[in-house]
Amino acid sequence: MTVAACILASSADTALRDVAGTPNVRRLVDLAWAGGALPVIVVSPDPQGAVALALAGTPSVLAAPAPDAGTAGQLARAMELACREVDATDAALLWPARMGWLDAETVTSLIEAHGAERDTLLRPAFRAAPGWPILLPVGRLPALHALSADLVPEEISEALAAALPSRTVDLGDPGIVHSIETAPADLPPFEGPPEPAADRHHEWGALVADGPDEAPEPPTARD
């Protein structure tokens, strides 16, 4: 079972914003990798090459946004790139880059839930409020392609949930619903799933797991 992370930044500023002392997009890649997502695709404008520099040495692929495509189209492009990178990819976490406070355990929990529900759209929730990233099986990609180009991320999530078999999974992670516009001090405490794993400690700005022992090749832009 292979689940990709598809991170979408609307601008280079969003990708490069400092979050807990690290460029946002690099932190997101580290979180995705620590949580078990593979491959990790980043779609972001990068007019000055600064995003590629921030991602150098990470297990990610940087892709330029598709021209004349709305948010749904950009996410679909990222999923298609993930499938090209790893043929066995069977689902993807669709992840707006502004959701930068997510915990790596949430990534792991969504991947584990996908193992039991391979054709189901999974939406994480915090205190019953659905958020991001959502997990979309590759077989459900046509539903993403069918969405209007003018939908914002929250509308995309609701439209997919209405069109597909879906389930909301409460994971107790405030980063699911609070964007990087929320100051760390204002975040609710991490609660974890209803049955959290033992001996886990969470601190905002700290990763649950380290990255790979050896740094992979730097990311390259895709046409």
N, C-alpha and C. Protein backbone atom coordinates (compact mmCIF):
# COMPACT_ATOMS: atom_id res chain seq x y z
N MET A 1 0.85 -1.19 0.00
CA MET A 1 0.00 0.00 0.00
C MET A 1 0.89 1.24 0.00
N THR A 2 0.68 2.11 -0.99
CA THR A 2 1.48 3.31 -1.13
C THR A 2 0.58 4.53 -1.17
N VAL A 3 0.79 5.45 -0.25
CA VAL A 3 -0.02 6.67 -0.17
C VAL A 3 0.90 7.87 -0.34
N ALA A 4 0.63 8.68 -1.35
CA ALA A 4 1.43 9.87 -1.63
C ALA A 4 0.94 11.04 -0.79
N ALA A 5 1.78 12.05 -0.68
CA ALA A 5 1.37 13.35 -0.14
C ALA A 5 1.47 14.36 -1.28
N CYS A 6 0.38 15.06 -1.54
CA CYS A 6 0.33 16.06 -2.60
C CYS A 6 0.11 17.42 -1.95
N ILE A 7 1.18 18.19 -1.83
CA ILE A 7 1.16 19.47 -1.12
C ILE A 7 1.02 20.59 -2.15
N LEU A 8 0.03 21.44 -1.96
CA LEU A 8 -0.25 22.50 -2.92
C LEU A 8 -0.08 23.86 -2.26
N ALA A 9 0.88 24.63 -2.76
CA ALA A 9 1.10 26.00 -2.29
C ALA A 9 0.57 26.96 -3.34
N SER A 10 -0.25 27.90 -2.93
CA SER A 10 -0.83 28.85 -3.88
C SER A 10 0.17 29.90 -4.33
N SER A 11 1.24 30.08 -3.55
CA SER A 11 2.25 31.08 -3.89
C SER A 11 3.58 30.67 -3.30
N ALA A 12 4.65 31.24 -3.83
CA ALA A 12 5.97 30.97 -3.26
C ALA A 12 6.06 31.51 -1.84
N ASP A 13 5.35 32.61 -1.56
CA ASP A 13 5.36 33.16 -0.21
C ASP A 13 4.79 32.16 0.80
N THR A 14 3.69 31.49 0.43
CA THR A 14 3.13 30.49 1.32
C THR A 14 4.09 29.33 1.51
N ALA A 15 4.74 28.91 0.43
CA ALA A 15 5.69 27.80 0.51
C ALA A 15 6.88 28.14 1.39
N LEU A 16 7.33 29.38 1.35
CA LEU A 16 8.57 29.75 2.01
C LEU A 16 8.36 30.39 3.38
N ARG A 17 7.14 30.61 3.78
CA ARG A 17 6.87 31.26 5.06
C ARG A 17 7.54 30.51 6.21
N ASP A 18 8.13 31.26 7.12
CA ASP A 18 8.78 30.64 8.26
C ASP A 18 7.73 30.06 9.21
N VAL A 19 7.84 28.77 9.48
CA VAL A 19 6.95 28.08 10.42
C VAL A 19 7.84 27.32 11.40
N ALA A 20 7.84 27.77 12.64
CA ALA A 20 8.65 27.14 13.68
C ALA A 20 10.12 27.08 13.28
N GLY A 21 10.58 28.14 12.59
CA GLY A 21 11.99 28.24 12.24
C GLY A 21 12.40 27.52 10.98
N THR A 22 11.44 27.00 10.22
CA THR A 22 11.72 26.23 9.00
C THR A 22 10.82 26.72 7.89
N PRO A 23 11.31 26.79 6.63
CA PRO A 23 10.40 27.12 5.53
C PRO A 23 9.20 26.17 5.53
N ASN A 24 8.03 26.72 5.42
CA ASN A 24 6.80 25.95 5.54
C ASN A 24 6.81 24.69 4.70
N VAL A 25 7.17 24.81 3.44
CA VAL A 25 7.05 23.67 2.53
C VAL A 25 8.05 22.56 2.91
N ARG A 26 9.20 22.94 3.40
CA ARG A 26 10.15 21.90 3.83
C ARG A 26 9.62 21.18 5.07
N ARG A 27 9.04 21.94 5.98
CA ARG A 27 8.47 21.32 7.17
C ARG A 27 7.36 20.35 6.79
N LEU A 28 6.53 20.73 5.82
CA LEU A 28 5.44 19.85 5.39
C LEU A 28 5.98 18.56 4.77
N VAL A 29 7.01 18.68 3.96
CA VAL A 29 7.62 17.48 3.37
C VAL A 29 8.17 16.58 4.46
N ASP A 30 8.85 17.17 5.45
CA ASP A 30 9.38 16.37 6.55
C ASP A 30 8.26 15.67 7.32
N LEU A 31 7.15 16.37 7.55
CA LEU A 31 6.01 15.76 8.25
C LEU A 31 5.42 14.61 7.44
N ALA A 32 5.24 14.84 6.14
CA ALA A 32 4.67 13.80 5.28
C ALA A 32 5.56 12.56 5.28
N TRP A 33 6.86 12.77 5.15
CA TRP A 33 7.81 11.66 5.12
C TRP A 33 7.84 10.93 6.46
N ALA A 34 7.87 11.70 7.56
CA ALA A 34 7.89 11.09 8.88
C ALA A 34 6.62 10.28 9.14
N GLY A 35 5.50 10.73 8.56
CA GLY A 35 4.24 10.02 8.75
C GLY A 35 4.05 8.81 7.86
N GLY A 36 4.96 8.62 6.90
CA GLY A 36 4.90 7.43 6.05
C GLY A 36 4.38 7.65 4.65
N ALA A 37 4.20 8.91 4.22
CA ALA A 37 3.72 9.17 2.87
C ALA A 37 4.85 9.06 1.87
N LEU A 38 4.55 8.48 0.71
CA LEU A 38 5.52 8.31 -0.36
C LEU A 38 4.78 8.05 -1.66
N PRO A 39 5.12 8.75 -2.75
CA PRO A 39 6.05 9.87 -2.87
C PRO A 39 5.45 11.15 -2.31
N VAL A 40 6.28 12.19 -2.20
CA VAL A 40 5.82 13.50 -1.75
C VAL A 40 5.96 14.47 -2.92
N ILE A 41 4.83 15.00 -3.37
CA ILE A 41 4.80 15.92 -4.49
C ILE A 41 4.45 17.31 -3.98
N VAL A 42 5.22 18.30 -4.39
CA VAL A 42 4.95 19.68 -4.03
C VAL A 42 4.65 20.44 -5.32
N VAL A 43 3.47 21.06 -5.39
CA VAL A 43 3.12 21.92 -6.52
C VAL A 43 3.13 23.35 -6.01
N SER A 44 4.01 24.16 -6.57
CA SER A 44 4.15 25.54 -6.10
C SER A 44 4.79 26.41 -7.18
N PRO A 45 4.35 27.66 -7.29
CA PRO A 45 5.12 28.60 -8.11
C PRO A 45 6.51 28.76 -7.50
N ASP A 46 7.50 28.97 -8.36
CA ASP A 46 8.86 29.13 -7.86
C ASP A 46 9.65 30.02 -8.81
N PRO A 47 9.23 31.28 -8.96
CA PRO A 47 9.84 32.14 -9.97
C PRO A 47 11.32 32.42 -9.74
N GLN A 48 11.77 32.41 -8.50
CA GLN A 48 13.16 32.73 -8.18
C GLN A 48 13.99 31.49 -7.82
N GLY A 49 13.38 30.32 -7.82
CA GLY A 49 14.11 29.11 -7.46
C GLY A 49 14.28 28.90 -5.97
N ALA A 50 13.65 29.75 -5.15
CA ALA A 50 13.83 29.65 -3.70
C ALA A 50 13.12 28.44 -3.11
N VAL A 51 12.00 28.03 -3.71
CA VAL A 51 11.28 26.86 -3.20
C VAL A 51 12.11 25.60 -3.43
N ALA A 52 12.68 25.49 -4.62
CA ALA A 52 13.55 24.34 -4.92
C ALA A 52 14.73 24.30 -3.96
N LEU A 53 15.28 25.47 -3.65
CA LEU A 53 16.41 25.52 -2.72
C LEU A 53 15.97 25.06 -1.32
N ALA A 54 14.79 25.48 -0.90
CA ALA A 54 14.29 25.07 0.42
C ALA A 54 14.06 23.57 0.50
N LEU A 55 13.74 22.95 -0.63
CA LEU A 55 13.44 21.52 -0.66
C LEU A 55 14.66 20.66 -0.97
N ALA A 56 15.78 21.27 -1.26
CA ALA A 56 16.97 20.50 -1.64
C ALA A 56 17.33 19.48 -0.57
N GLY A 57 17.54 18.26 -1.01
CA GLY A 57 17.91 17.19 -0.09
C GLY A 57 16.75 16.48 0.56
N THR A 58 15.53 16.89 0.25
CA THR A 58 14.35 16.22 0.83
C THR A 58 13.82 15.16 -0.13
N PRO A 59 13.05 14.20 0.38
CA PRO A 59 12.45 13.17 -0.49
C PRO A 59 11.18 13.71 -1.15
N SER A 60 11.32 14.68 -2.02
CA SER A 60 10.16 15.30 -2.64
C SER A 60 10.43 15.61 -4.10
N VAL A 61 9.35 15.83 -4.83
CA VAL A 61 9.42 16.28 -6.21
C VAL A 61 8.68 17.61 -6.29
N LEU A 62 9.32 18.62 -6.82
CA LEU A 62 8.72 19.93 -6.99
C LEU A 62 8.21 20.06 -8.40
N ALA A 63 6.95 20.47 -8.54
CA ALA A 63 6.33 20.63 -9.86
C ALA A 63 5.75 22.02 -9.99
N ALA A 64 5.85 22.57 -11.19
CA ALA A 64 5.23 23.86 -11.47
C ALA A 64 3.72 23.68 -11.57
N PRO A 65 2.95 24.67 -11.18
CA PRO A 65 1.48 24.56 -11.31
C PRO A 65 1.07 24.41 -12.77
N ALA A 66 -0.02 23.68 -12.97
CA ALA A 66 -0.58 23.55 -14.32
C ALA A 66 -1.21 24.88 -14.73
N PRO A 67 -0.99 25.32 -15.95
CA PRO A 67 -1.59 26.58 -16.38
C PRO A 67 -3.11 26.48 -16.48
N ASP A 68 -3.78 27.56 -16.10
CA ASP A 68 -5.23 27.66 -16.27
C ASP A 68 -6.00 26.55 -15.57
N ALA A 69 -5.50 26.11 -14.44
CA ALA A 69 -6.21 25.08 -13.67
C ALA A 69 -6.54 25.63 -12.29
N GLY A 70 -7.74 25.35 -11.80
CA GLY A 70 -8.11 25.76 -10.46
C GLY A 70 -7.48 24.84 -9.43
N THR A 71 -7.89 25.01 -8.19
CA THR A 71 -7.31 24.23 -7.11
C THR A 71 -7.52 22.73 -7.32
N ALA A 72 -8.72 22.35 -7.74
CA ALA A 72 -8.99 20.92 -7.97
C ALA A 72 -8.08 20.38 -9.07
N GLY A 73 -7.88 21.16 -10.11
CA GLY A 73 -7.01 20.73 -11.19
C GLY A 73 -5.56 20.59 -10.77
N GLN A 74 -5.12 21.51 -9.91
CA GLN A 74 -3.74 21.41 -9.41
C GLN A 74 -3.55 20.17 -8.54
N LEU A 75 -4.55 19.88 -7.71
CA LEU A 75 -4.47 18.68 -6.88
C LEU A 75 -4.49 17.41 -7.72
N ALA A 76 -5.33 17.41 -8.77
CA ALA A 76 -5.37 16.26 -9.67
C ALA A 76 -4.03 16.08 -10.37
N ARG A 77 -3.42 17.18 -10.79
CA ARG A 77 -2.10 17.10 -11.42
C ARG A 77 -1.08 16.49 -10.45
N ALA A 78 -1.12 16.92 -9.21
CA ALA A 78 -0.19 16.39 -8.22
C ALA A 78 -0.38 14.88 -8.04
N MET A 79 -1.64 14.42 -8.00
CA MET A 79 -1.90 12.98 -7.88
C MET A 79 -1.36 12.23 -9.08
N GLU A 80 -1.55 12.78 -10.27
CA GLU A 80 -1.05 12.13 -11.48
C GLU A 80 0.47 12.04 -11.47
N LEU A 81 1.13 13.11 -11.01
CA LEU A 81 2.59 13.08 -10.89
C LEU A 81 3.03 12.02 -9.89
N ALA A 82 2.29 11.89 -8.79
CA ALA A 82 2.62 10.87 -7.79
C ALA A 82 2.56 9.48 -8.40
N CYS A 83 1.55 9.24 -9.21
CA CYS A 83 1.41 7.93 -9.86
C CYS A 83 2.52 7.67 -10.86
N ARG A 84 3.01 8.75 -11.49
CA ARG A 84 4.13 8.60 -12.40
C ARG A 84 5.42 8.32 -11.65
N GLU A 85 5.56 8.91 -10.47
CA GLU A 85 6.76 8.70 -9.67
C GLU A 85 6.81 7.28 -9.12
N VAL A 86 5.68 6.80 -8.61
CA VAL A 86 5.60 5.45 -8.02
C VAL A 86 4.35 4.77 -8.57
N ASP A 87 4.55 3.78 -9.43
CA ASP A 87 3.42 3.11 -10.09
C ASP A 87 2.42 2.54 -9.10
N ALA A 88 2.91 2.12 -7.93
CA ALA A 88 2.05 1.45 -6.96
C ALA A 88 1.22 2.41 -6.12
N THR A 89 1.33 3.71 -6.36
CA THR A 89 0.55 4.67 -5.58
C THR A 89 -0.94 4.38 -5.73
N ASP A 90 -1.64 4.18 -4.61
CA ASP A 90 -3.07 3.88 -4.71
C ASP A 90 -3.96 4.89 -3.98
N ALA A 91 -3.33 5.91 -3.38
CA ALA A 91 -4.10 6.99 -2.75
C ALA A 91 -3.16 8.17 -2.54
N ALA A 92 -3.76 9.32 -2.28
CA ALA A 92 -2.94 10.51 -2.03
C ALA A 92 -3.58 11.36 -0.95
N LEU A 93 -2.74 11.96 -0.14
CA LEU A 93 -3.17 12.96 0.83
C LEU A 93 -3.15 14.31 0.12
N LEU A 94 -4.30 14.95 0.00
CA LEU A 94 -4.41 16.25 -0.65
C LEU A 94 -4.25 17.31 0.43
N TRP A 95 -3.24 18.16 0.31
CA TRP A 95 -2.76 18.93 1.44
C TRP A 95 -2.48 20.38 1.05
N PRO A 96 -3.38 21.31 1.33
CA PRO A 96 -3.06 22.73 1.12
C PRO A 96 -1.91 23.15 2.03
N ALA A 97 -0.94 23.87 1.48
CA ALA A 97 0.27 24.18 2.23
C ALA A 97 0.02 25.09 3.43
N ARG A 98 -1.10 25.80 3.44
CA ARG A 98 -1.37 26.66 4.60
C ARG A 98 -1.67 25.85 5.86
N MET A 99 -1.94 24.55 5.71
CA MET A 99 -2.19 23.70 6.88
C MET A 99 -0.86 23.13 7.36
N GLY A 100 -0.09 24.01 7.99
CA GLY A 100 1.28 23.67 8.34
C GLY A 100 1.52 23.21 9.76
N TRP A 101 0.47 23.15 10.60
CA TRP A 101 0.65 22.73 11.99
C TRP A 101 0.33 21.25 12.20
N LEU A 102 0.10 20.53 11.13
CA LEU A 102 -0.29 19.13 11.24
C LEU A 102 0.78 18.30 11.95
N ASP A 103 0.36 17.28 12.65
CA ASP A 103 1.27 16.36 13.30
C ASP A 103 1.49 15.14 12.41
N ALA A 104 2.71 14.62 12.41
CA ALA A 104 3.02 13.47 11.57
C ALA A 104 2.17 12.25 11.92
N GLU A 105 1.74 12.14 13.18
CA GLU A 105 0.90 10.99 13.56
C GLU A 105 -0.43 11.00 12.81
N THR A 106 -0.91 12.18 12.46
CA THR A 106 -2.15 12.27 11.69
C THR A 106 -1.97 11.66 10.31
N VAL A 107 -0.82 11.91 9.70
CA VAL A 107 -0.51 11.29 8.41
C VAL A 107 -0.51 9.77 8.53
N THR A 108 0.18 9.28 9.56
CA THR A 108 0.24 7.83 9.78
C THR A 108 -1.15 7.24 10.01
N SER A 109 -1.96 7.92 10.80
CA SER A 109 -3.30 7.41 11.11
C SER A 109 -4.18 7.33 9.87
N LEU A 110 -4.09 8.33 9.00
CA LEU A 110 -4.88 8.30 7.77
C LEU A 110 -4.42 7.17 6.85
N ILE A 111 -3.12 6.97 6.77
CA ILE A 111 -2.61 5.88 5.93
C ILE A 111 -3.07 4.53 6.48
N GLU A 112 -3.03 4.37 7.79
CA GLU A 112 -3.49 3.11 8.40
C GLU A 112 -4.98 2.91 8.15
N ALA A 113 -5.76 3.98 8.26
CA ALA A 113 -7.20 3.86 8.01
C ALA A 113 -7.48 3.50 6.56
N HIS A 114 -6.67 4.01 5.66
CA HIS A 114 -6.85 3.67 4.24
C HIS A 114 -6.63 2.18 4.00
N GLY A 115 -5.74 1.58 4.77
CA GLY A 115 -5.49 0.15 4.61
C GLY A 115 -6.73 -0.69 4.83
N ALA A 116 -7.67 -0.21 5.65
CA ALA A 116 -8.90 -0.94 5.93
C ALA A 116 -10.05 -0.51 5.05
N GLU A 117 -9.92 0.64 4.40
CA GLU A 117 -11.00 1.19 3.57
C GLU A 117 -10.41 1.74 2.28
N ARG A 118 -10.03 0.85 1.39
CA ARG A 118 -9.21 1.23 0.25
C ARG A 118 -9.93 2.11 -0.77
N ASP A 119 -11.25 2.10 -0.81
CA ASP A 119 -11.99 2.89 -1.80
C ASP A 119 -12.72 4.08 -1.21
N THR A 120 -12.43 4.40 0.04
CA THR A 120 -13.17 5.43 0.76
C THR A 120 -12.38 6.73 0.86
N LEU A 121 -13.06 7.85 0.61
CA LEU A 121 -12.48 9.16 0.89
C LEU A 121 -12.43 9.33 2.41
N LEU A 122 -11.26 9.65 2.93
CA LEU A 122 -11.10 9.83 4.37
C LEU A 122 -10.80 11.30 4.66
N ARG A 123 -11.58 11.86 5.60
CA ARG A 123 -11.36 13.25 5.99
C ARG A 123 -11.04 13.30 7.48
N PRO A 124 -9.88 13.81 7.85
CA PRO A 124 -9.55 13.91 9.28
C PRO A 124 -10.38 15.01 9.93
N ALA A 125 -10.59 14.89 11.21
CA ALA A 125 -11.38 15.89 11.93
C ALA A 125 -10.74 16.18 13.28
N PHE A 126 -10.99 17.39 13.76
CA PHE A 126 -10.61 17.78 15.11
C PHE A 126 -11.87 18.27 15.80
N ARG A 127 -12.27 17.58 16.87
CA ARG A 127 -13.51 17.89 17.59
C ARG A 127 -14.69 17.95 16.63
N ALA A 128 -14.75 16.96 15.76
CA ALA A 128 -15.85 16.72 14.80
C ALA A 128 -15.82 17.67 13.60
N ALA A 129 -14.89 18.60 13.53
CA ALA A 129 -14.80 19.51 12.38
C ALA A 129 -13.81 18.94 11.37
N PRO A 130 -14.26 18.62 10.15
CA PRO A 130 -13.35 18.06 9.15
C PRO A 130 -12.32 19.08 8.68
N GLY A 131 -11.15 18.60 8.32
CA GLY A 131 -10.09 19.48 7.85
C GLY A 131 -9.19 18.80 6.85
N TRP A 132 -7.87 18.98 7.01
CA TRP A 132 -6.88 18.52 6.02
C TRP A 132 -5.72 17.81 6.71
N PRO A 133 -5.04 16.96 5.89
CA PRO A 133 -5.26 16.62 4.48
C PRO A 133 -6.34 15.55 4.34
N ILE A 134 -7.03 15.57 3.22
CA ILE A 134 -7.98 14.50 2.94
C ILE A 134 -7.26 13.42 2.13
N LEU A 135 -7.70 12.18 2.32
CA LEU A 135 -7.08 11.06 1.61
C LEU A 135 -8.03 10.58 0.51
N LEU A 136 -7.57 10.68 -0.72
CA LEU A 136 -8.38 10.30 -1.88
C LEU A 136 -7.76 9.11 -2.58
N PRO A 137 -8.47 7.98 -2.68
CA PRO A 137 -7.95 6.84 -3.45
C PRO A 137 -7.76 7.23 -4.91
N VAL A 138 -6.73 6.68 -5.53
CA VAL A 138 -6.45 6.99 -6.93
C VAL A 138 -7.62 6.64 -7.84
N GLY A 139 -8.33 5.58 -7.50
CA GLY A 139 -9.49 5.19 -8.31
C GLY A 139 -10.61 6.22 -8.29
N ARG A 140 -10.56 7.14 -7.34
CA ARG A 140 -11.57 8.20 -7.24
C ARG A 140 -11.11 9.50 -7.88
N LEU A 141 -9.97 9.46 -8.57
CA LEU A 141 -9.44 10.67 -9.21
C LEU A 141 -10.41 11.31 -10.20
N PRO A 142 -11.21 10.56 -10.97
CA PRO A 142 -12.16 11.21 -11.88
C PRO A 142 -13.11 12.18 -11.17
N ALA A 143 -13.46 11.90 -9.93
CA ALA A 143 -14.35 12.79 -9.20
C ALA A 143 -13.67 14.14 -8.94
N LEU A 144 -12.37 14.12 -8.75
CA LEU A 144 -11.62 15.37 -8.55
C LEU A 144 -11.54 16.15 -9.86
N HIS A 145 -11.30 15.43 -10.96
CA HIS A 145 -11.26 16.07 -12.28
C HIS A 145 -12.59 16.72 -12.62
N ALA A 146 -13.68 16.17 -12.12
CA ALA A 146 -15.01 16.66 -12.49
C ALA A 146 -15.41 17.94 -11.77
N LEU A 147 -14.64 18.36 -10.77
CA LEU A 147 -15.02 19.53 -9.99
C LEU A 147 -14.72 20.83 -10.73
N SER A 148 -15.50 21.84 -10.41
CA SER A 148 -15.34 23.15 -11.03
C SER A 148 -14.00 23.77 -10.64
N ALA A 149 -13.41 24.51 -11.56
CA ALA A 149 -12.11 25.13 -11.32
C ALA A 149 -12.17 26.25 -10.31
N ASP A 150 -13.36 26.77 -10.03
CA ASP A 150 -13.45 27.92 -9.13
C ASP A 150 -13.70 27.53 -7.66
N LEU A 151 -13.71 26.24 -7.36
CA LEU A 151 -13.95 25.82 -5.98
C LEU A 151 -12.71 26.05 -5.12
N VAL A 152 -12.93 26.52 -3.90
CA VAL A 152 -11.84 26.66 -2.93
C VAL A 152 -11.67 25.32 -2.22
N PRO A 153 -10.53 25.12 -1.51
CA PRO A 153 -10.28 23.82 -0.91
C PRO A 153 -11.42 23.26 -0.05
N GLU A 154 -12.01 24.08 0.80
CA GLU A 154 -13.09 23.58 1.65
C GLU A 154 -14.28 23.10 0.82
N GLU A 155 -14.58 23.78 -0.27
CA GLU A 155 -15.67 23.36 -1.16
C GLU A 155 -15.31 22.07 -1.88
N ILE A 156 -14.03 21.91 -2.21
CA ILE A 156 -13.58 20.66 -2.84
C ILE A 156 -13.78 19.49 -1.90
N SER A 157 -13.40 19.66 -0.65
CA SER A 157 -13.57 18.58 0.33
C SER A 157 -15.04 18.21 0.49
N GLU A 158 -15.91 19.20 0.61
CA GLU A 158 -17.33 18.93 0.78
C GLU A 158 -17.93 18.28 -0.47
N ALA A 159 -17.51 18.74 -1.65
CA ALA A 159 -18.05 18.18 -2.89
C ALA A 159 -17.64 16.72 -3.07
N LEU A 160 -16.39 16.41 -2.74
CA LEU A 160 -15.94 15.02 -2.84
C LEU A 160 -16.65 14.13 -1.83
N ALA A 161 -16.85 14.65 -0.61
CA ALA A 161 -17.54 13.86 0.42
C ALA A 161 -18.98 13.58 0.03
N ALA A 162 -19.59 14.51 -0.70
CA ALA A 162 -20.97 14.31 -1.14
C ALA A 162 -21.07 13.35 -2.31
N ALA A 163 -20.00 13.27 -3.11
CA ALA A 163 -20.05 12.46 -4.34
C ALA A 163 -19.51 11.04 -4.15
N LEU A 164 -18.73 10.82 -3.11
CA LEU A 164 -18.03 9.55 -2.96
C LEU A 164 -18.34 8.89 -1.61
N PRO A 165 -18.12 7.57 -1.53
CA PRO A 165 -18.14 6.94 -0.20
C PRO A 165 -17.08 7.61 0.67
N SER A 166 -17.46 8.09 1.83
CA SER A 166 -16.51 8.86 2.63
C SER A 166 -16.72 8.59 4.11
N ARG A 167 -15.68 8.89 4.88
CA ARG A 167 -15.76 8.76 6.33
C ARG A 167 -14.91 9.85 6.95
N THR A 168 -15.40 10.44 8.03
CA THR A 168 -14.66 11.43 8.80
C THR A 168 -14.00 10.73 9.98
N VAL A 169 -12.71 10.96 10.15
CA VAL A 169 -11.93 10.28 11.19
C VAL A 169 -11.43 11.32 12.17
N ASP A 170 -11.93 11.29 13.40
CA ASP A 170 -11.50 12.26 14.41
C ASP A 170 -10.15 11.83 14.96
N LEU A 171 -9.13 12.67 14.76
CA LEU A 171 -7.77 12.31 15.14
C LEU A 171 -7.19 13.19 16.23
N GLY A 172 -7.96 14.15 16.73
CA GLY A 172 -7.51 14.93 17.86
C GLY A 172 -6.33 15.84 17.61
N ASP A 173 -6.11 16.22 16.35
CA ASP A 173 -4.98 17.06 15.97
C ASP A 173 -5.49 18.44 15.57
N PRO A 174 -5.22 19.49 16.34
CA PRO A 174 -5.73 20.81 15.98
C PRO A 174 -5.17 21.33 14.66
N GLY A 175 -4.01 20.81 14.23
CA GLY A 175 -3.45 21.21 12.94
C GLY A 175 -4.31 20.81 11.76
N ILE A 176 -5.27 19.93 11.98
CA ILE A 176 -6.20 19.53 10.93
C ILE A 176 -7.09 20.69 10.50
N VAL A 177 -7.41 21.57 11.44
CA VAL A 177 -8.36 22.66 11.15
C VAL A 177 -7.77 24.05 11.34
N HIS A 178 -6.59 24.16 11.96
CA HIS A 178 -5.97 25.47 12.20
C HIS A 178 -4.80 25.67 11.25
N SER A 179 -4.83 26.75 10.48
CA SER A 179 -3.78 27.01 9.50
C SER A 179 -2.60 27.72 10.16
N ILE A 180 -1.57 27.99 9.35
CA ILE A 180 -0.39 28.67 9.87
C ILE A 180 -0.68 30.13 10.23
N GLU A 181 -1.89 30.59 9.93
CA GLU A 181 -2.28 31.93 10.40
C GLU A 181 -2.52 31.94 11.91
N THR A 182 -2.71 30.77 12.50
CA THR A 182 -2.88 30.65 13.94
C THR A 182 -1.52 30.58 14.62
N ALA A 183 -1.30 31.43 15.58
CA ALA A 183 -0.03 31.41 16.32
C ALA A 183 0.07 30.12 17.12
N PRO A 184 1.28 29.55 17.25
CA PRO A 184 1.43 28.31 18.02
C PRO A 184 0.83 28.38 19.42
N ALA A 185 0.97 29.54 20.06
CA ALA A 185 0.46 29.68 21.42
C ALA A 185 -1.06 29.63 21.48
N ASP A 186 -1.70 29.88 20.34
CA ASP A 186 -3.16 29.89 20.30
C ASP A 186 -3.76 28.55 19.86
N LEU A 187 -2.92 27.59 19.55
CA LEU A 187 -3.42 26.28 19.13
C LEU A 187 -3.97 25.51 20.33
N PRO A 188 -5.11 24.84 20.16
CA PRO A 188 -5.57 23.93 21.22
C PRO A 188 -4.56 22.81 21.41
N PRO A 189 -4.58 22.14 22.53
CA PRO A 189 -3.62 21.04 22.74
C PRO A 189 -3.91 19.86 21.83
N PHE A 190 -2.86 19.15 21.47
CA PHE A 190 -2.99 17.92 20.72
C PHE A 190 -3.67 16.88 21.61
N GLU A 191 -4.75 16.30 21.12
CA GLU A 191 -5.51 15.34 21.92
C GLU A 191 -5.27 13.91 21.47
N GLY A 192 -4.93 13.72 20.21
CA GLY A 192 -4.73 12.38 19.69
C GLY A 192 -6.04 11.70 19.40
N PRO A 193 -5.99 10.56 18.71
CA PRO A 193 -7.20 9.80 18.42
C PRO A 193 -7.87 9.34 19.72
N PRO A 194 -9.14 8.90 19.65
CA PRO A 194 -9.83 8.41 20.86
C PRO A 194 -9.05 7.32 21.58
N GLU A 195 -8.27 6.53 20.84
CA GLU A 195 -7.43 5.50 21.45
C GLU A 195 -5.99 5.76 21.01
N PRO A 196 -5.32 6.74 21.61
CA PRO A 196 -3.97 7.13 21.17
C PRO A 196 -2.95 6.04 21.47
N ALA A 197 -1.90 6.03 20.63
CA ALA A 197 -0.81 5.10 20.88
C ALA A 197 -0.10 5.48 22.17
N ALA A 198 0.41 4.49 22.88
CA ALA A 198 1.08 4.75 24.16
C ALA A 198 2.45 5.38 23.93
N ASP A 199 2.89 6.09 24.94
CA ASP A 199 4.26 6.62 24.97
C ASP A 199 4.53 7.57 23.81
N ARG A 200 3.52 8.38 23.42
CA ARG A 200 3.73 9.41 22.41
C ARG A 200 3.68 10.77 23.09
N HIS A 201 4.64 11.62 22.78
CA HIS A 201 4.64 12.99 23.30
C HIS A 201 4.68 13.94 22.11
N HIS A 202 3.85 14.97 22.13
CA HIS A 202 3.75 15.90 21.01
C HIS A 202 4.07 17.31 21.44
N GLU A 203 4.90 17.95 20.67
CA GLU A 203 5.25 19.34 20.93
C GLU A 203 5.22 20.08 19.61
N TRP A 204 4.50 21.20 19.56
CA TRP A 204 4.38 21.94 18.30
C TRP A 204 5.76 22.35 17.82
N GLY A 205 5.96 22.11 16.50
CA GLY A 205 7.24 22.44 15.88
C GLY A 205 8.23 21.31 15.90
N ALA A 206 7.89 20.19 16.54
CA ALA A 206 8.78 19.04 16.58
C ALA A 206 8.18 17.91 15.78
N LEU A 207 9.01 17.21 15.02
CA LEU A 207 8.54 16.08 14.23
C LEU A 207 8.45 14.84 15.09
N VAL A 208 7.51 13.96 14.75
CA VAL A 208 7.36 12.71 15.49
C VAL A 208 8.51 11.77 15.19
N ALA A 209 9.00 11.80 13.95
CA ALA A 209 10.06 10.87 13.56
C ALA A 209 11.10 11.61 12.76
N ASP A 210 12.31 11.08 12.76
CA ASP A 210 13.37 11.66 11.94
C ASP A 210 13.19 11.26 10.50
N GLY A 211 13.85 11.97 9.64
CA GLY A 211 13.81 11.65 8.22
C GLY A 211 14.68 10.46 7.91
N PRO A 212 14.85 10.13 6.63
CA PRO A 212 15.68 8.99 6.23
C PRO A 212 17.13 9.23 6.58
N ASP A 213 17.88 8.13 6.74
CA ASP A 213 19.28 8.24 7.13
C ASP A 213 20.11 8.95 6.07
N GLU A 214 19.78 8.73 4.81
CA GLU A 214 20.53 9.33 3.74
C GLU A 214 19.64 10.26 2.96
N ALA A 215 20.15 11.44 2.63
CA ALA A 215 19.36 12.40 1.88
C ALA A 215 19.23 11.97 0.44
N PRO A 216 18.00 11.97 -0.11
CA PRO A 216 17.82 11.61 -1.50
C PRO A 216 18.25 12.75 -2.40
N GLU A 217 18.13 12.52 -3.69
CA GLU A 217 18.48 13.54 -4.66
C GLU A 217 17.57 14.75 -4.47
N PRO A 218 18.10 15.97 -4.76
CA PRO A 218 17.25 17.17 -4.64
C PRO A 218 16.07 17.10 -5.56
N PRO A 219 14.96 17.81 -5.23
CA PRO A 219 13.77 17.81 -6.08
C PRO A 219 14.05 18.54 -7.38
N THR A 220 13.33 18.16 -8.40
CA THR A 220 13.45 18.82 -9.70
C THR A 220 12.11 19.30 -10.14
N ALA A 221 12.08 20.43 -10.85
CA ALA A 221 10.81 20.96 -11.34
C ALA A 221 10.31 20.10 -12.49
N ARG A 222 9.00 19.92 -12.54
CA ARG A 222 8.36 19.15 -13.60
C ARG A 222 7.53 20.08 -14.45
N ASP A 223 7.52 19.81 -15.74
CA ASP A 223 6.71 20.65 -16.64
C ASP A 223 5.24 20.42 -16.41
